[in-house]
Amino acid sequence: MDIQGHIIDHWVEKMLDHLAKLPDVRFLSSEEREKYDESIKAADDYYGVLMSYYMNGIDEGVAKGEARGSHHKSLEIAKKMMAKGMDENTIMEITGLTQEEIRKLIS
């Protein structure tokens, strides 16, 4: 099971535990029922926000990983181009690397 599945399972478990501790809602007064409904909505909103932050974090992590992988590949290509004797400007144009990044590869 993936991390998202574990989080959802944990949320469901917490909600069920919470519900098990409450009296039967059929026997609540109007005021108690209103407070009960508000607490359920607040818990749902809270876990919805947590899930949103979690998913945004996953998306950011994936994007950073892809960017690092792409940059690493550009460095590998630049090394091969230098080994073939290609000039710095051509390497910069093709790989998108900066002059500083290419010079670091040389040293």
N, C-alpha and C. Protein backbone atom coordinates (compact mmCIF):
# COMPACT_ATOMS: atom_id res chain seq x y z
N MET A 1 0.85 -1.18 0.00
CA MET A 1 0.00 0.00 0.00
C MET A 1 0.89 1.24 0.00
N ASP A 2 0.49 2.26 -0.72
CA ASP A 2 1.28 3.48 -0.80
C ASP A 2 1.06 4.37 0.43
N ILE A 3 1.85 5.42 0.51
CA ILE A 3 1.79 6.32 1.67
C ILE A 3 0.43 6.99 1.77
N GLN A 4 -0.13 7.39 0.63
CA GLN A 4 -1.43 8.04 0.65
C GLN A 4 -2.48 7.09 1.23
N GLY A 5 -2.41 5.83 0.86
CA GLY A 5 -3.34 4.84 1.38
C GLY A 5 -3.21 4.68 2.88
N HIS A 6 -1.97 4.70 3.38
CA HIS A 6 -1.75 4.61 4.82
C HIS A 6 -2.33 5.81 5.54
N ILE A 7 -2.16 6.98 4.96
CA ILE A 7 -2.69 8.19 5.59
C ILE A 7 -4.21 8.14 5.64
N ILE A 8 -4.82 7.72 4.55
CA ILE A 8 -6.28 7.62 4.53
C ILE A 8 -6.75 6.58 5.54
N ASP A 9 -6.08 5.43 5.59
CA ASP A 9 -6.44 4.41 6.57
C ASP A 9 -6.32 4.94 7.99
N HIS A 10 -5.25 5.68 8.25
CA HIS A 10 -5.04 6.26 9.58
C HIS A 10 -6.16 7.25 9.91
N TRP A 11 -6.52 8.08 8.94
CA TRP A 11 -7.59 9.05 9.14
C TRP A 11 -8.90 8.33 9.43
N VAL A 12 -9.22 7.31 8.66
CA VAL A 12 -10.47 6.56 8.88
C VAL A 12 -10.45 5.91 10.26
N GLU A 13 -9.32 5.33 10.63
CA GLU A 13 -9.21 4.70 11.95
C GLU A 13 -9.44 5.71 13.07
N LYS A 14 -8.84 6.90 12.93
CA LYS A 14 -9.03 7.94 13.96
C LYS A 14 -10.49 8.38 14.02
N MET A 15 -11.11 8.53 12.87
CA MET A 15 -12.52 8.95 12.85
C MET A 15 -13.40 7.88 13.49
N LEU A 16 -13.14 6.61 13.18
CA LEU A 16 -13.93 5.53 13.76
C LEU A 16 -13.73 5.46 15.27
N ASP A 17 -12.50 5.64 15.72
CA ASP A 17 -12.23 5.68 17.16
C ASP A 17 -13.00 6.82 17.82
N HIS A 18 -12.98 7.97 17.17
CA HIS A 18 -13.69 9.14 17.69
C HIS A 18 -15.19 8.85 17.77
N LEU A 19 -15.73 8.27 16.71
CA LEU A 19 -17.16 7.98 16.67
C LEU A 19 -17.54 6.94 17.72
N ALA A 20 -16.68 5.97 17.95
CA ALA A 20 -16.97 4.92 18.92
C ALA A 20 -17.06 5.47 20.34
N LYS A 21 -16.38 6.56 20.60
CA LYS A 21 -16.39 7.16 21.94
C LYS A 21 -17.60 8.07 22.17
N LEU A 22 -18.32 8.37 21.12
CA LEU A 22 -19.47 9.26 21.25
C LEU A 22 -20.73 8.46 21.54
N PRO A 23 -21.67 9.11 22.20
CA PRO A 23 -22.94 8.42 22.44
C PRO A 23 -23.70 8.27 21.12
N ASP A 24 -24.68 7.42 21.12
CA ASP A 24 -25.52 7.23 19.94
C ASP A 24 -26.16 8.56 19.57
N VAL A 25 -25.93 9.02 18.35
CA VAL A 25 -26.40 10.35 17.93
C VAL A 25 -27.92 10.46 17.94
N ARG A 26 -28.60 9.35 17.90
CA ARG A 26 -30.07 9.40 17.93
C ARG A 26 -30.59 9.96 19.26
N PHE A 27 -29.75 9.85 20.30
CA PHE A 27 -30.19 10.27 21.62
C PHE A 27 -29.62 11.62 22.05
N LEU A 28 -28.99 12.32 21.12
CA LEU A 28 -28.43 13.63 21.43
C LEU A 28 -29.51 14.70 21.32
N SER A 29 -29.38 15.72 22.15
CA SER A 29 -30.28 16.87 22.04
C SER A 29 -29.92 17.64 20.77
N SER A 30 -30.76 18.58 20.40
CA SER A 30 -30.49 19.39 19.20
C SER A 30 -29.16 20.12 19.32
N GLU A 31 -28.91 20.68 20.50
CA GLU A 31 -27.66 21.41 20.72
C GLU A 31 -26.47 20.47 20.66
N GLU A 32 -26.59 19.31 21.29
CA GLU A 32 -25.50 18.33 21.26
C GLU A 32 -25.26 17.82 19.84
N ARG A 33 -26.34 17.61 19.11
CA ARG A 33 -26.23 17.12 17.73
C ARG A 33 -25.53 18.16 16.86
N GLU A 34 -25.85 19.43 17.07
CA GLU A 34 -25.21 20.50 16.30
C GLU A 34 -23.71 20.54 16.60
N LYS A 35 -23.35 20.44 17.88
CA LYS A 35 -21.93 20.42 18.25
C LYS A 35 -21.23 19.19 17.67
N TYR A 36 -21.93 18.09 17.71
CA TYR A 36 -21.40 16.84 17.16
C TYR A 36 -21.12 17.01 15.66
N ASP A 37 -22.10 17.51 14.92
CA ASP A 37 -21.95 17.72 13.48
C ASP A 37 -20.81 18.69 13.18
N GLU A 38 -20.68 19.74 13.99
CA GLU A 38 -19.60 20.70 13.80
C GLU A 38 -18.24 20.04 14.03
N SER A 39 -18.15 19.19 15.04
CA SER A 39 -16.86 18.54 15.32
C SER A 39 -16.49 17.57 14.20
N ILE A 40 -17.47 16.88 13.66
CA ILE A 40 -17.21 15.97 12.54
C ILE A 40 -16.74 16.76 11.32
N LYS A 41 -17.40 17.88 11.04
CA LYS A 41 -17.00 18.70 9.89
C LYS A 41 -15.60 19.28 10.12
N ALA A 42 -15.32 19.73 11.34
CA ALA A 42 -13.99 20.29 11.64
C ALA A 42 -12.91 19.23 11.45
N ALA A 43 -13.17 18.01 11.91
CA ALA A 43 -12.19 16.93 11.75
C ALA A 43 -12.00 16.61 10.27
N ASP A 44 -13.09 16.57 9.52
CA ASP A 44 -13.02 16.29 8.09
C ASP A 44 -12.23 17.39 7.37
N ASP A 45 -12.50 18.64 7.71
CA ASP A 45 -11.77 19.76 7.11
C ASP A 45 -10.29 19.68 7.45
N TYR A 46 -9.98 19.38 8.71
CA TYR A 46 -8.60 19.28 9.16
C TYR A 46 -7.84 18.22 8.38
N TYR A 47 -8.41 17.04 8.28
CA TYR A 47 -7.72 15.97 7.56
C TYR A 47 -7.69 16.23 6.05
N GLY A 48 -8.67 16.96 5.55
CA GLY A 48 -8.63 17.35 4.14
C GLY A 48 -7.47 18.29 3.86
N VAL A 49 -7.25 19.23 4.77
CA VAL A 49 -6.12 20.16 4.63
C VAL A 49 -4.80 19.40 4.72
N LEU A 50 -4.71 18.49 5.70
CA LEU A 50 -3.49 17.69 5.82
C LEU A 50 -3.20 16.91 4.54
N MET A 51 -4.23 16.30 3.98
CA MET A 51 -4.05 15.53 2.75
C MET A 51 -3.62 16.43 1.60
N SER A 52 -4.18 17.63 1.55
CA SER A 52 -3.79 18.59 0.51
C SER A 52 -2.32 18.96 0.64
N TYR A 53 -1.88 19.25 1.88
CA TYR A 53 -0.46 19.57 2.10
C TYR A 53 0.42 18.38 1.74
N TYR A 54 -0.02 17.21 2.10
CA TYR A 54 0.74 16.00 1.80
C TYR A 54 0.90 15.83 0.29
N MET A 55 -0.19 15.96 -0.45
CA MET A 55 -0.14 15.77 -1.90
C MET A 55 0.72 16.86 -2.56
N ASN A 56 0.62 18.09 -2.06
CA ASN A 56 1.47 19.16 -2.59
C ASN A 56 2.94 18.85 -2.33
N GLY A 57 3.24 18.31 -1.16
CA GLY A 57 4.61 17.93 -0.84
C GLY A 57 5.13 16.85 -1.76
N ILE A 58 4.28 15.88 -2.06
CA ILE A 58 4.67 14.81 -2.99
C ILE A 58 4.96 15.41 -4.37
N ASP A 59 4.06 16.26 -4.84
CA ASP A 59 4.24 16.89 -6.15
C ASP A 59 5.54 17.70 -6.21
N GLU A 60 5.82 18.45 -5.15
CA GLU A 60 7.05 19.24 -5.11
C GLU A 60 8.28 18.34 -5.11
N GLY A 61 8.21 17.26 -4.35
CA GLY A 61 9.33 16.32 -4.30
C GLY A 61 9.60 15.68 -5.64
N VAL A 62 8.55 15.29 -6.33
CA VAL A 62 8.70 14.69 -7.66
C VAL A 62 9.29 15.71 -8.63
N ALA A 63 8.79 16.94 -8.59
CA ALA A 63 9.31 17.98 -9.49
C ALA A 63 10.79 18.25 -9.23
N LYS A 64 11.18 18.31 -7.95
CA LYS A 64 12.59 18.53 -7.63
C LYS A 64 13.45 17.36 -8.10
N GLY A 65 12.95 16.15 -7.92
CA GLY A 65 13.69 14.97 -8.36
C GLY A 65 13.87 14.96 -9.87
N GLU A 66 12.81 15.31 -10.59
CA GLU A 66 12.90 15.36 -12.05
C GLU A 66 13.90 16.43 -12.50
N ALA A 67 13.87 17.59 -11.84
CA ALA A 67 14.80 18.67 -12.20
C ALA A 67 16.24 18.25 -11.94
N ARG A 68 16.47 17.60 -10.81
CA ARG A 68 17.84 17.14 -10.50
C ARG A 68 18.30 16.11 -11.51
N GLY A 69 17.40 15.19 -11.86
CA GLY A 69 17.75 14.17 -12.85
C GLY A 69 18.06 14.78 -14.20
N SER A 70 17.27 15.76 -14.60
CA SER A 70 17.49 16.43 -15.87
C SER A 70 18.82 17.18 -15.87
N HIS A 71 19.13 17.84 -14.77
CA HIS A 71 20.39 18.58 -14.66
C HIS A 71 21.57 17.60 -14.70
N HIS A 72 21.43 16.50 -13.99
CA HIS A 72 22.49 15.48 -13.98
C HIS A 72 22.73 14.95 -15.39
N LYS A 73 21.66 14.73 -16.13
CA LYS A 73 21.79 14.24 -17.51
C LYS A 73 22.49 15.28 -18.38
N SER A 74 22.16 16.56 -18.19
CA SER A 74 22.82 17.62 -18.94
C SER A 74 24.32 17.65 -18.66
N LEU A 75 24.69 17.42 -17.40
CA LEU A 75 26.11 17.37 -17.04
C LEU A 75 26.81 16.20 -17.73
N GLU A 76 26.15 15.06 -17.77
CA GLU A 76 26.72 13.88 -18.44
C GLU A 76 26.93 14.15 -19.93
N ILE A 77 25.94 14.76 -20.55
CA ILE A 77 26.03 15.08 -21.98
C ILE A 77 27.17 16.07 -22.23
N ALA A 78 27.27 17.08 -21.36
CA ALA A 78 28.34 18.07 -21.50
C ALA A 78 29.71 17.41 -21.41
N LYS A 79 29.88 16.47 -20.50
CA LYS A 79 31.16 15.76 -20.37
C LYS A 79 31.50 15.02 -21.67
N LYS A 80 30.51 14.37 -22.25
CA LYS A 80 30.73 13.64 -23.50
C LYS A 80 31.07 14.60 -24.64
N MET A 81 30.40 15.75 -24.65
CA MET A 81 30.67 16.74 -25.69
C MET A 81 32.08 17.30 -25.55
N MET A 82 32.51 17.54 -24.31
CA MET A 82 33.87 18.03 -24.08
C MET A 82 34.89 16.98 -24.52
N ALA A 83 34.59 15.72 -24.25
CA ALA A 83 35.50 14.65 -24.65
C ALA A 83 35.63 14.57 -26.17
N LYS A 84 34.60 15.02 -26.88
CA LYS A 84 34.64 15.04 -28.35
C LYS A 84 35.26 16.33 -28.88
N GLY A 85 35.66 17.22 -27.96
CA GLY A 85 36.34 18.45 -28.37
C GLY A 85 35.41 19.58 -28.77
N MET A 86 34.15 19.50 -28.40
CA MET A 86 33.22 20.57 -28.78
C MET A 86 33.49 21.82 -27.94
N ASP A 87 33.21 22.98 -28.54
CA ASP A 87 33.50 24.25 -27.86
C ASP A 87 32.44 24.55 -26.78
N GLU A 88 32.86 25.40 -25.85
CA GLU A 88 32.05 25.74 -24.68
C GLU A 88 30.69 26.34 -25.05
N ASN A 89 30.66 27.22 -26.03
CA ASN A 89 29.40 27.87 -26.43
C ASN A 89 28.39 26.86 -26.98
N THR A 90 28.87 25.93 -27.78
CA THR A 90 27.99 24.91 -28.34
C THR A 90 27.43 24.03 -27.22
N ILE A 91 28.30 23.67 -26.28
CA ILE A 91 27.87 22.84 -25.14
C ILE A 91 26.81 23.58 -24.33
N MET A 92 27.03 24.87 -24.09
CA MET A 92 26.05 25.67 -23.34
C MET A 92 24.72 25.72 -24.08
N GLU A 93 24.78 25.92 -25.38
CA GLU A 93 23.56 26.03 -26.19
C GLU A 93 22.76 24.72 -26.18
N ILE A 94 23.44 23.61 -26.34
CA ILE A 94 22.76 22.31 -26.44
C ILE A 94 22.26 21.82 -25.08
N THR A 95 23.08 21.98 -24.03
CA THR A 95 22.72 21.42 -22.72
C THR A 95 21.93 22.37 -21.84
N GLY A 96 22.04 23.67 -22.11
CA GLY A 96 21.38 24.65 -21.25
C GLY A 96 22.16 24.95 -19.98
N LEU A 97 23.36 24.39 -19.88
CA LEU A 97 24.20 24.65 -18.71
C LEU A 97 24.83 26.03 -18.82
N THR A 98 25.20 26.57 -17.67
CA THR A 98 25.88 27.87 -17.65
C THR A 98 27.37 27.66 -17.90
N GLN A 99 28.03 28.75 -18.23
CA GLN A 99 29.47 28.70 -18.45
C GLN A 99 30.18 28.23 -17.18
N GLU A 100 29.71 28.68 -16.03
CA GLU A 100 30.31 28.29 -14.75
C GLU A 100 30.17 26.78 -14.53
N GLU A 101 29.01 26.23 -14.84
CA GLU A 101 28.81 24.78 -14.66
C GLU A 101 29.73 23.98 -15.57
N ILE A 102 29.91 24.46 -16.78
CA ILE A 102 30.78 23.76 -17.73
C ILE A 102 32.24 23.86 -17.28
N ARG A 103 32.62 25.02 -16.80
CA ARG A 103 34.01 25.18 -16.35
C ARG A 103 34.31 24.33 -15.11
N LYS A 104 33.31 24.11 -14.28
CA LYS A 104 33.50 23.21 -13.13
C LYS A 104 33.77 21.79 -13.60
N LEU A 105 33.16 21.42 -14.71
CA LEU A 105 33.38 20.07 -15.26
C LEU A 105 34.80 19.92 -15.78
N ILE A 106 35.33 21.01 -16.30
CA ILE A 106 36.68 20.97 -16.87
C ILE A 106 37.72 20.80 -15.77
N SER A 107 37.50 21.46 -14.63
CA SER A 107 38.50 21.41 -13.56
C SER A 107 38.38 20.18 -12.68
